[in-house]
Amino acid sequence: MSDLFKKKREEGLVFLNKYDKNTFNLVNEKNLSKAIPLFQESIYLATTDEEKYESSKLLQDTLDKLILGIEKDKLHHEDIHRNYVYYTTKLMEVLSNNMKYSQIVNDTKEDFYSSNAINVIREIPLKDIGQSVYEMIDYFKGFTQTYYSLIGTLMRHYFIDAFKLYDSGKIVQSKNIFYTAFDIQVKYELEPKKLDELNIDKLTKDEIKDVLDSSNYYIKRIDAQIEIDKGDKYLKEGLLEKEEIDMDDIADALTCYRNALNEIGKNKLDIELEAICYSNIAYIMHRVYKNKKKKQKIKEYVTQAVNLGLSLAPKNVGKEKWYINAANILQEIRNEEEKEEERNDDKYREELKKKKEGIFKELYEKKDESNLTFIKFILEKYPYKGYKPKKNIDEEYTKDNKNFIRTLVVKYHPDRYPKSTEEEKEHYVIIHEISSILNNMFSIYEDMNGKEP
């Protein structure tokens, strides 16, 4: 060990040992910054790899403490930013050198230095460090596993920064940062085939692939969101209080929503965005265009929107405008369908009554004879579902005629009977008529407090 090497290292240690984490940062920085050139000189003057390694570890410790003491929220100050970039870049160079020294002197600390380097990349503010981060990574080119681990960490770091912007609603700014993952892929030639061929662990490969896939997902999602936002703008402008709706704006809005839906469908994107598109397209078709010919398609869209909205639970979308619109339109369509079905049923009943007049005439003839005669007739000829013949109908009826009829009203309710086939439809009409007679019968008993008329 040369005297000059020893002297420089000890001078550096004097300043390093003055470090006190409870001391004002500027005092620490002044002392630590004086230690840096002394340790660098001691490395230069060292005669053995062991001596170089010992001084380099001290230099690493000094840089660690300097970086730790810099308040990152003050990096916008030019001098602080310059020092931070210098210290961080220098630290990465020292870490790579220490990895080399550790191998030479058999210190087996490669993982330790690799982990430290990864932590540096993970912690640095990317918006402030800029292109220097690539220089830092390049120091590790000789260590394949660490080199690509650092690249993967850098990609994840950019992804996290982009997601924070995205989550705060700054989607356009975030999109540019998500694209950085693909810039890095090009810079380091990380296309899938080459990545698979690299002699690095699966965890690192998966990390890089995951960031690329996730970035692509959010870029596509943002594209869809931008289209939806444009559609919302066109729709709002088209429906502004004017004498007439601006149909050009409405058409542009519809195109935007369809573009977004196409993007979402191709890339299996966000469920809520998909629901919004279905709802808004249906809203335009139903409320603005009033396109009754497309009623079935509109119903499919709003049903899809509502079902997707419900699938987002536990998130409650009940107060979202798109959900309210979809639910209201769906209810309107269902109401219209019910009325249409009722009209068709009425028409069918009238036609069947004319066609099979004898059946309905017989029902009323039995009713005119007596309530009990009617009941015994329908139980024999048109028994309700699950009916088991009884020997004592007269006795049960006489004992409590009101409740006996009440039970039949429930058993012969039309909703209990299918009407899919032609035969079922005919039977349903007969049951409907029986139900009507029974209801009439029961209402009279109600009015007369259970006394037979």
Protein backbone atom coordinates (compact mmCIF):
# COMPACT_ATOMS: atom_id res chain seq x y z
CA MET A 1 0.00 0.00 0.00
CA SER A 2 1.61 3.28 -1.14
CA ASP A 3 1.82 6.13 1.35
CA LEU A 4 0.15 8.53 -1.07
CA PHE A 5 -2.79 6.14 -1.66
CA LYS A 6 -3.20 5.70 2.08
CA LYS A 7 -3.00 9.45 2.69
CA LYS A 8 -5.68 10.29 0.11
CA ARG A 9 -8.05 7.61 1.40
CA GLU A 10 -7.63 8.73 5.01
CA GLU A 11 -8.26 12.36 3.99
CA GLY A 12 -11.42 11.23 2.27
CA LEU A 13 -12.48 9.27 5.37
CA VAL A 14 -12.13 12.40 7.49
CA PHE A 15 -14.80 14.14 5.42
CA LEU A 16 -16.95 11.03 5.07
CA ASN A 17 -16.96 10.47 8.85
CA LYS A 18 -18.24 13.99 9.41
CA TYR A 19 -21.53 12.88 7.87
CA ASP A 20 -24.42 13.21 10.28
CA LYS A 21 -27.92 12.43 9.07
CA ASN A 22 -29.30 14.91 11.61
CA THR A 23 -27.14 17.74 10.27
CA PHE A 24 -28.39 20.38 7.84
CA ASN A 25 -28.09 18.93 4.31
CA LEU A 26 -25.82 21.65 2.93
CA VAL A 27 -23.22 20.93 5.63
CA ASN A 28 -23.26 17.25 4.76
CA GLU A 29 -23.03 17.97 1.05
CA LYS A 30 -20.05 20.25 1.55
CA ASN A 31 -18.12 17.58 3.47
CA LEU A 32 -19.14 14.65 1.32
CA SER A 33 -18.40 16.47 -1.94
CA LYS A 34 -14.83 17.02 -0.65
CA ALA A 35 -14.46 13.30 -0.05
CA ILE A 36 -15.29 12.36 -3.66
CA PRO A 37 -12.10 13.58 -5.40
CA LEU A 38 -9.94 12.18 -2.56
CA PHE A 39 -11.39 8.69 -2.95
CA GLN A 40 -11.10 8.98 -6.73
CA GLU A 41 -7.40 9.85 -6.37
CA SER A 42 -6.86 6.97 -3.96
CA ILE A 43 -8.32 4.59 -6.56
CA TYR A 44 -5.99 6.02 -9.18
CA LEU A 45 -2.99 5.69 -6.87
CA ALA A 46 -3.86 2.17 -5.65
CA THR A 47 -1.42 -0.55 -6.66
CA THR A 48 -3.69 -3.58 -6.25
CA ASP A 49 -7.26 -4.44 -7.18
CA GLU A 50 -8.05 -4.97 -3.51
CA GLU A 51 -6.97 -1.41 -2.70
CA LYS A 52 -8.98 -0.02 -5.62
CA TYR A 53 -12.02 -2.00 -4.48
CA GLU A 54 -11.80 -0.73 -0.89
CA SER A 55 -11.59 2.92 -1.99
CA SER A 56 -14.32 2.43 -4.59
CA LYS A 57 -16.69 1.08 -1.88
CA LEU A 58 -16.00 4.20 0.17
CA LEU A 59 -16.75 6.32 -2.88
CA GLN A 60 -20.02 4.43 -3.33
CA ASP A 61 -20.94 5.10 0.30
CA THR A 62 -20.19 8.80 -0.15
CA LEU A 63 -22.35 9.09 -3.26
CA ASP A 64 -25.17 7.15 -1.59
CA LYS A 65 -25.25 9.63 1.27
CA LEU A 66 -25.11 12.63 -1.05
CA ILE A 67 -28.02 11.40 -3.16
CA LEU A 68 -30.00 10.50 -0.06
CA GLY A 69 -29.56 14.02 1.28
CA ILE A 70 -30.85 15.77 -1.84
CA GLU A 71 -34.49 16.78 -1.53
CA LYS A 72 -36.01 15.58 -4.78
CA ASP A 73 -38.82 18.11 -4.68
CA LYS A 74 -36.18 20.84 -5.12
CA LEU A 75 -34.64 19.39 -8.28
CA HIS A 76 -36.13 22.22 -10.31
CA HIS A 77 -33.31 24.41 -8.95
CA GLU A 78 -30.62 24.32 -11.60
CA ASP A 79 -27.63 23.75 -9.28
CA ILE A 80 -29.40 21.02 -7.26
CA HIS A 81 -30.53 19.30 -10.46
CA ARG A 82 -27.02 19.41 -11.91
CA ASN A 83 -25.49 17.93 -8.77
CA TYR A 84 -28.16 15.23 -8.53
CA VAL A 85 -27.56 14.12 -12.13
CA TYR A 86 -23.80 14.09 -11.56
CA TYR A 87 -23.92 12.16 -8.28
CA THR A 88 -26.45 9.62 -9.59
CA THR A 89 -24.58 9.01 -12.83
CA LYS A 90 -21.31 8.70 -10.93
CA LEU A 91 -22.86 6.25 -8.46
CA MET A 92 -23.99 3.96 -11.29
CA GLU A 93 -20.48 4.02 -12.75
CA VAL A 94 -19.01 3.16 -9.33
CA LEU A 95 -21.51 0.35 -8.81
CA SER A 96 -20.53 -1.21 -12.14
CA ASN A 97 -16.84 -0.90 -11.24
CA ASN A 98 -17.46 -2.49 -7.86
CA MET A 99 -19.19 -5.41 -9.59
CA LYS A 100 -16.00 -5.93 -11.62
CA TYR A 101 -13.73 -5.58 -8.58
CA SER A 102 -15.88 -7.97 -6.52
CA GLN A 103 -15.43 -10.64 -9.18
CA ILE A 104 -11.69 -10.09 -9.38
CA VAL A 105 -11.16 -10.34 -5.60
CA ASN A 106 -13.79 -13.09 -5.19
CA ASP A 107 -16.04 -11.00 -2.98
CA THR A 108 -19.20 -12.60 -4.51
CA LYS A 109 -21.25 -9.44 -4.20
CA GLU A 110 -22.46 -9.10 -7.78
CA ASP A 111 -26.10 -9.51 -6.70
CA PHE A 112 -25.63 -6.82 -4.05
CA TYR A 113 -24.35 -4.24 -6.55
CA SER A 114 -26.92 -5.29 -9.14
CA SER A 115 -29.70 -4.77 -6.58
CA ASN A 116 -28.31 -1.34 -5.67
CA ALA A 117 -28.18 -0.30 -9.32
CA ILE A 118 -31.77 -1.43 -9.85
CA ASN A 119 -32.86 0.61 -6.82
CA VAL A 120 -31.15 3.70 -8.25
CA ILE A 121 -33.07 3.37 -11.52
CA ARG A 122 -36.28 2.67 -9.64
CA GLU A 123 -35.94 5.78 -7.45
CA ILE A 124 -34.71 8.49 -9.81
CA PRO A 125 -37.26 11.06 -11.05
CA LEU A 126 -37.30 10.32 -14.78
CA LYS A 127 -38.65 13.71 -15.77
CA ASP A 128 -35.58 15.32 -14.19
CA ILE A 129 -32.88 12.82 -15.06
CA GLY A 130 -33.60 12.72 -18.81
CA GLN A 131 -31.19 10.97 -21.14
CA SER A 132 -28.60 10.47 -18.36
CA VAL A 133 -30.46 7.33 -17.31
CA TYR A 134 -29.37 5.56 -20.52
CA GLU A 135 -25.74 6.46 -19.82
CA MET A 136 -26.13 4.97 -16.34
CA ILE A 137 -27.43 1.68 -17.74
CA ASP A 138 -24.66 1.49 -20.34
CA TYR A 139 -22.08 1.13 -17.55
CA PHE A 140 -23.42 -2.40 -17.02
CA LYS A 141 -23.13 -3.67 -20.59
CA GLY A 142 -20.59 -6.26 -19.45
CA PHE A 143 -23.10 -7.79 -17.02
CA THR A 144 -25.88 -9.17 -19.22
CA GLN A 145 -28.36 -10.11 -16.51
CA THR A 146 -28.01 -6.83 -14.62
CA TYR A 147 -27.99 -4.83 -17.84
CA TYR A 148 -31.38 -6.16 -18.97
CA SER A 149 -32.76 -6.09 -15.44
CA LEU A 150 -31.99 -2.36 -15.40
CA ILE A 151 -33.68 -1.92 -18.78
CA GLY A 152 -36.75 -3.76 -17.51
CA THR A 153 -36.75 -1.63 -14.34
CA LEU A 154 -36.48 1.55 -16.41
CA MET A 155 -39.42 0.47 -18.57
CA ARG A 156 -41.50 -0.29 -15.47
CA HIS A 157 -40.49 3.05 -13.96
CA TYR A 158 -41.73 4.92 -17.05
CA PHE A 159 -44.90 2.80 -17.03
CA ILE A 160 -45.64 3.73 -13.40
CA ASP A 161 -45.08 7.43 -14.14
CA ALA A 162 -47.38 7.18 -17.16
CA PHE A 163 -50.06 5.37 -15.15
CA LYS A 164 -49.99 8.07 -12.44
CA LEU A 165 -50.71 10.68 -15.11
CA TYR A 166 -53.38 8.47 -16.64
CA ASP A 167 -55.02 7.89 -13.27
CA SER A 168 -55.12 11.63 -12.62
CA GLY A 169 -56.98 12.21 -15.89
CA LYS A 170 -54.02 13.48 -17.94
CA ILE A 171 -54.49 10.82 -20.58
CA VAL A 172 -52.81 12.56 -23.53
CA GLN A 173 -49.63 13.25 -21.52
CA SER A 174 -49.64 9.70 -20.20
CA LYS A 175 -49.95 8.27 -23.71
CA ASN A 176 -46.62 9.84 -24.72
CA ILE A 177 -44.90 8.23 -21.73
CA PHE A 178 -46.52 4.84 -22.34
CA TYR A 179 -44.97 5.02 -25.81
CA THR A 180 -41.53 5.25 -24.14
CA ALA A 181 -41.70 1.48 -23.54
CA PHE A 182 -41.66 0.95 -27.30
CA ASP A 183 -38.89 3.53 -27.76
CA ILE A 184 -36.80 1.54 -25.29
CA GLN A 185 -37.71 -1.69 -27.08
CA VAL A 186 -36.35 -0.22 -30.33
CA LYS A 187 -33.27 1.32 -28.67
CA TYR A 188 -32.21 -1.97 -27.09
CA GLU A 189 -33.53 -4.22 -29.89
CA LEU A 190 -35.93 -6.07 -27.63
CA GLU A 191 -38.29 -7.50 -30.22
CA PRO A 192 -39.86 -10.76 -28.90
CA LYS A 193 -37.64 -13.18 -30.82
CA LYS A 194 -34.38 -11.56 -29.72
CA LEU A 195 -35.64 -11.15 -26.17
CA ASP A 196 -36.40 -14.88 -25.98
CA GLU A 197 -32.89 -15.70 -27.19
CA LEU A 198 -31.15 -13.58 -24.53
CA ASN A 199 -29.33 -15.45 -21.77
CA ILE A 200 -31.24 -13.79 -18.94
CA ASP A 201 -33.72 -15.08 -16.38
CA LYS A 202 -37.40 -15.60 -17.19
CA LEU A 203 -38.44 -13.02 -14.58
CA THR A 204 -36.64 -10.24 -16.47
CA LYS A 205 -38.05 -11.34 -19.82
CA ASP A 206 -41.55 -11.47 -18.36
CA GLU A 207 -41.11 -8.02 -16.81
CA ILE A 208 -40.19 -6.48 -20.17
CA LYS A 209 -42.98 -8.30 -22.02
CA ASP A 210 -45.52 -7.31 -19.37
CA VAL A 211 -44.61 -3.63 -19.56
CA LEU A 212 -44.87 -3.71 -23.36
CA ASP A 213 -48.24 -5.49 -23.26
CA SER A 214 -49.57 -3.21 -20.52
CA SER A 215 -48.36 -0.07 -22.29
CA ASN A 216 -50.00 -1.21 -25.52
CA TYR A 217 -53.23 -1.86 -23.61
CA TYR A 218 -53.31 1.64 -22.13
CA ILE A 219 -52.34 3.32 -25.40
CA LYS A 220 -55.27 1.58 -27.12
CA ARG A 221 -57.53 2.39 -24.17
CA ILE A 222 -56.51 6.05 -24.35
CA ASP A 223 -57.19 6.08 -28.10
CA ALA A 224 -60.68 4.76 -27.36
CA GLN A 225 -61.15 7.29 -24.55
CA ILE A 226 -60.07 10.15 -26.85
CA GLU A 227 -62.62 9.01 -29.44
CA ILE A 228 -65.33 8.89 -26.76
CA ASP A 229 -64.38 12.37 -25.52
CA LYS A 230 -64.55 13.67 -29.09
CA GLY A 231 -67.92 11.98 -29.50
CA ASP A 232 -69.19 13.60 -26.30
CA LYS A 233 -68.05 16.99 -27.57
CA TYR A 234 -69.77 16.56 -30.93
CA LEU A 235 -72.95 15.27 -29.28
CA LYS A 236 -73.07 18.19 -26.86
CA GLU A 237 -72.51 20.72 -29.65
CA GLY A 238 -75.10 19.02 -31.85
CA LEU A 239 -77.74 19.18 -29.12
CA LEU A 240 -77.09 22.76 -28.00
CA GLU A 241 -80.17 24.92 -27.72
CA LYS A 242 -80.80 25.81 -31.32
CA GLU A 243 -83.78 25.85 -33.60
CA GLU A 244 -82.60 22.61 -35.16
CA ILE A 245 -80.27 19.79 -34.14
CA ASP A 246 -76.94 19.93 -35.95
CA MET A 247 -77.07 16.53 -37.63
CA ASP A 248 -73.49 16.84 -38.92
CA ASP A 249 -72.21 17.02 -35.35
CA ILE A 250 -74.47 14.11 -34.37
CA ALA A 251 -73.13 12.02 -37.26
CA ASP A 252 -69.56 12.84 -36.21
CA ALA A 253 -70.38 11.84 -32.64
CA LEU A 254 -71.79 8.51 -33.81
CA THR A 255 -68.67 7.86 -35.89
CA CYS A 256 -66.43 8.57 -32.88
CA TYR A 257 -68.37 6.20 -30.63
CA ARG A 258 -68.29 3.48 -33.30
CA ASN A 259 -64.53 3.97 -33.77
CA ALA A 260 -64.01 3.68 -30.03
CA LEU A 261 -66.17 0.56 -29.83
CA ASN A 262 -64.23 -1.01 -32.69
CA GLU A 263 -60.94 -0.23 -30.90
CA ILE A 264 -62.27 -1.67 -27.65
CA GLY A 265 -63.55 -4.82 -29.33
CA LYS A 266 -60.32 -5.53 -31.20
CA ASN A 267 -58.11 -5.11 -28.14
CA LYS A 268 -60.46 -6.36 -25.39
CA LEU A 269 -60.22 -3.11 -23.50
CA ASP A 270 -62.13 -1.61 -20.61
CA ILE A 271 -65.68 -2.88 -19.90
CA GLU A 272 -66.92 0.54 -18.78
CA LEU A 273 -65.74 2.24 -21.98
CA GLU A 274 -67.50 -0.47 -23.97
CA ALA A 275 -70.71 0.14 -22.00
CA ILE A 276 -70.43 3.91 -22.55
CA CYS A 277 -70.11 3.41 -26.31
CA TYR A 278 -73.14 1.09 -26.49
CA SER A 279 -75.20 3.52 -24.42
CA ASN A 280 -74.24 6.61 -26.42
CA ILE A 281 -74.78 4.95 -29.81
CA ALA A 282 -78.21 3.76 -28.66
CA TYR A 283 -79.00 7.23 -27.31
CA ILE A 284 -78.33 8.82 -30.71
CA MET A 285 -80.28 6.16 -32.61
CA HIS A 286 -83.26 6.26 -30.23
CA ARG A 287 -83.45 9.85 -29.00
CA VAL A 288 -81.99 11.84 -31.88
CA TYR A 289 -82.61 9.81 -35.03
CA LYS A 290 -85.79 8.26 -33.53
CA ASN A 291 -85.08 5.21 -35.67
CA LYS A 292 -87.93 2.79 -34.85
CA LYS A 293 -86.78 0.36 -37.51
CA LYS A 294 -83.62 -0.23 -35.48
CA LYS A 295 -85.50 -0.90 -32.24
CA GLN A 296 -84.09 -4.42 -31.86
CA LYS A 297 -80.52 -3.21 -32.41
CA ILE A 298 -81.06 -0.33 -29.96
CA LYS A 299 -82.41 -2.79 -27.42
CA GLU A 300 -79.32 -4.99 -27.86
CA TYR A 301 -77.05 -1.98 -27.29
CA VAL A 302 -78.78 -0.70 -24.15
CA THR A 303 -79.11 -4.23 -22.74
CA GLN A 304 -75.39 -4.69 -23.28
CA ALA A 305 -74.65 -1.33 -21.66
CA VAL A 306 -76.79 -2.09 -18.60
CA ASN A 307 -75.40 -5.62 -18.18
CA LEU A 308 -71.82 -4.39 -18.51
CA GLY A 309 -72.57 -1.64 -16.02
CA LEU A 310 -73.91 -4.15 -13.51
CA SER A 311 -70.84 -6.35 -14.02
CA LEU A 312 -68.65 -3.50 -12.76
CA ALA A 313 -69.87 -4.15 -9.19
CA PRO A 314 -68.88 -3.26 -6.52
CA LYS A 315 -68.49 -0.01 -8.45
CA ASN A 316 -71.89 1.69 -8.53
CA VAL A 317 -72.64 3.17 -11.95
CA GLY A 318 -76.26 3.96 -11.09
CA LYS A 319 -75.66 7.70 -11.13
CA GLU A 320 -73.59 7.75 -14.34
CA LYS A 321 -75.36 9.57 -17.16
CA TRP A 322 -74.60 6.84 -19.72
CA TYR A 323 -76.08 4.19 -17.43
CA ILE A 324 -79.21 6.23 -16.68
CA ASN A 325 -79.75 6.84 -20.41
CA ALA A 326 -79.33 3.15 -21.23
CA ALA A 327 -81.61 1.99 -18.40
CA ASN A 328 -84.34 4.52 -19.35
CA ILE A 329 -84.25 3.59 -23.03
CA LEU A 330 -84.32 -0.12 -22.17
CA GLN A 331 -87.35 0.41 -19.93
CA GLU A 332 -89.13 2.42 -22.63
CA ILE A 333 -88.53 -0.32 -25.18
CA ARG A 334 -89.73 -2.99 -22.77
CA ASN A 335 -92.86 -0.98 -22.01
CA GLU A 336 -93.53 -0.59 -25.72
CA GLU A 337 -92.99 -4.31 -26.24
CA GLU A 338 -95.37 -5.16 -23.40
CA LYS A 339 -98.04 -2.89 -24.86
CA GLU A 340 -97.47 -4.38 -28.30
CA GLU A 341 -97.71 -7.86 -26.83
CA GLU A 342 -100.93 -6.92 -25.04
CA ARG A 343 -102.38 -5.55 -28.27
CA ASN A 344 -101.41 -8.71 -30.11
CA ASP A 345 -102.84 -10.87 -27.34
CA ASP A 346 -106.11 -8.92 -27.40
CA LYS A 347 -106.32 -9.23 -31.14
CA TYR A 348 -105.52 -12.94 -30.99
CA ARG A 349 -108.14 -13.51 -28.27
CA GLU A 350 -110.82 -11.76 -30.25
CA GLU A 351 -109.99 -13.76 -33.35
CA LEU A 352 -109.95 -17.03 -31.41
CA LYS A 353 -113.25 -16.22 -29.71
CA LYS A 354 -114.84 -15.83 -33.11
CA LYS A 355 -113.12 -18.90 -34.47
CA LYS A 356 -114.04 -21.13 -31.50
CA GLU A 357 -117.12 -19.39 -30.30
CA GLY A 358 -118.57 -22.59 -28.83
CA ILE A 359 -115.82 -22.94 -26.20
CA PHE A 360 -116.37 -19.49 -24.74
CA LYS A 361 -120.16 -19.77 -25.00
CA GLU A 362 -119.99 -22.97 -22.95
CA LEU A 363 -117.87 -21.24 -20.26
CA TYR A 364 -120.45 -18.50 -19.75
CA GLU A 365 -123.36 -20.93 -19.86
CA LYS A 366 -121.81 -22.88 -16.99
CA LYS A 367 -121.15 -19.63 -15.12
CA ASP A 368 -124.78 -18.58 -15.58
CA GLU A 369 -125.94 -21.85 -14.04
CA SER A 370 -123.95 -21.26 -10.84
CA ASN A 371 -120.46 -20.56 -9.60
CA LEU A 372 -120.06 -24.12 -8.38
CA THR A 373 -121.18 -25.57 -11.74
CA PHE A 374 -118.58 -23.40 -13.50
CA ILE A 375 -115.82 -24.42 -11.10
CA LYS A 376 -116.55 -28.13 -11.43
CA PHE A 377 -116.64 -27.76 -15.22
CA ILE A 378 -113.25 -26.01 -15.57
CA LEU A 379 -111.56 -28.38 -13.12
CA GLU A 380 -112.73 -31.29 -15.23
CA LYS A 381 -112.22 -29.90 -18.73
CA TYR A 382 -109.43 -27.29 -18.20
CA PRO A 383 -107.69 -28.35 -14.98
CA TYR A 384 -104.96 -26.05 -13.69
CA LYS A 385 -101.34 -27.21 -13.62
CA GLY A 386 -100.75 -29.85 -10.97
CA TYR A 387 -104.45 -30.33 -10.24
CA LYS A 388 -105.41 -33.61 -8.56
CA PRO A 389 -109.10 -34.59 -8.90
CA LYS A 390 -111.14 -34.25 -5.69
CA LYS A 391 -114.27 -36.12 -4.62
CA ASN A 392 -115.51 -33.49 -2.20
CA ILE A 393 -115.51 -30.27 -4.27
CA ASP A 394 -119.07 -29.42 -3.19
CA GLU A 395 -118.13 -29.78 0.48
CA GLU A 396 -114.91 -27.65 0.19
CA TYR A 397 -116.71 -24.98 -1.77
CA THR A 398 -119.65 -24.79 0.66
CA LYS A 399 -117.31 -24.68 3.67
CA ASP A 400 -115.31 -21.62 2.48
CA ASN A 401 -116.38 -20.50 -0.99
CA LYS A 402 -114.47 -17.24 -0.88
CA ASN A 403 -111.05 -18.78 -0.14
CA PHE A 404 -111.78 -21.67 -2.51
CA ILE A 405 -112.25 -19.17 -5.35
CA ARG A 406 -109.22 -17.15 -4.19
CA THR A 407 -107.07 -20.28 -4.62
CA LEU A 408 -108.43 -20.86 -8.12
CA VAL A 409 -107.69 -17.24 -9.07
CA VAL A 410 -104.03 -17.89 -8.26
CA LYS A 411 -103.94 -21.32 -9.94
CA TYR A 412 -105.52 -20.03 -13.16
CA HIS A 413 -103.44 -16.86 -13.42
CA PRO A 414 -102.40 -16.54 -17.12
CA ASP A 415 -98.77 -15.79 -16.26
CA ARG A 416 -98.45 -19.40 -15.11
CA TYR A 417 -99.12 -20.67 -18.63
CA PRO A 418 -96.78 -20.68 -21.65
CA LYS A 419 -97.80 -19.41 -25.06
CA SER A 420 -94.98 -20.39 -27.38
CA THR A 421 -96.71 -22.88 -29.67
CA GLU A 422 -100.03 -22.41 -31.42
CA GLU A 423 -101.62 -25.03 -29.15
CA GLU A 424 -100.28 -23.25 -26.03
CA LYS A 425 -101.58 -19.92 -27.33
CA GLU A 426 -105.10 -21.32 -27.75
CA HIS A 427 -105.01 -22.85 -24.28
CA TYR A 428 -103.64 -19.58 -22.88
CA VAL A 429 -106.61 -17.63 -24.30
CA ILE A 430 -109.05 -20.06 -22.71
CA ILE A 431 -107.20 -19.82 -19.38
CA HIS A 432 -107.22 -16.03 -19.72
CA GLU A 433 -110.99 -16.08 -20.08
CA ILE A 434 -111.37 -18.47 -17.14
CA SER A 435 -109.14 -16.19 -15.07
CA SER A 436 -111.27 -13.19 -15.98
CA ILE A 437 -114.47 -15.00 -14.88
CA LEU A 438 -112.86 -16.16 -11.61
CA ASN A 439 -111.61 -12.67 -10.82
CA ASN A 440 -115.07 -11.31 -11.42
CA MET A 441 -116.51 -13.98 -9.23
CA PHE A 442 -114.05 -13.29 -6.40
CA SER A 443 -114.58 -9.51 -6.55
CA ILE A 444 -118.34 -10.03 -6.03
CA TYR A 445 -117.65 -12.16 -2.95
CA GLU A 446 -115.33 -9.45 -1.70
CA ASP A 447 -118.00 -6.80 -2.14
CA MET A 448 -120.65 -8.91 -0.44
CA ASN A 449 -118.33 -9.96 2.44
CA GLY A 450 -118.34 -13.55 1.38
CA LYS A 451 -122.08 -14.01 0.91
CA GLU A 452 -123.08 -15.89 -2.23
CA PRO A 453 -124.98 -13.70 -4.69
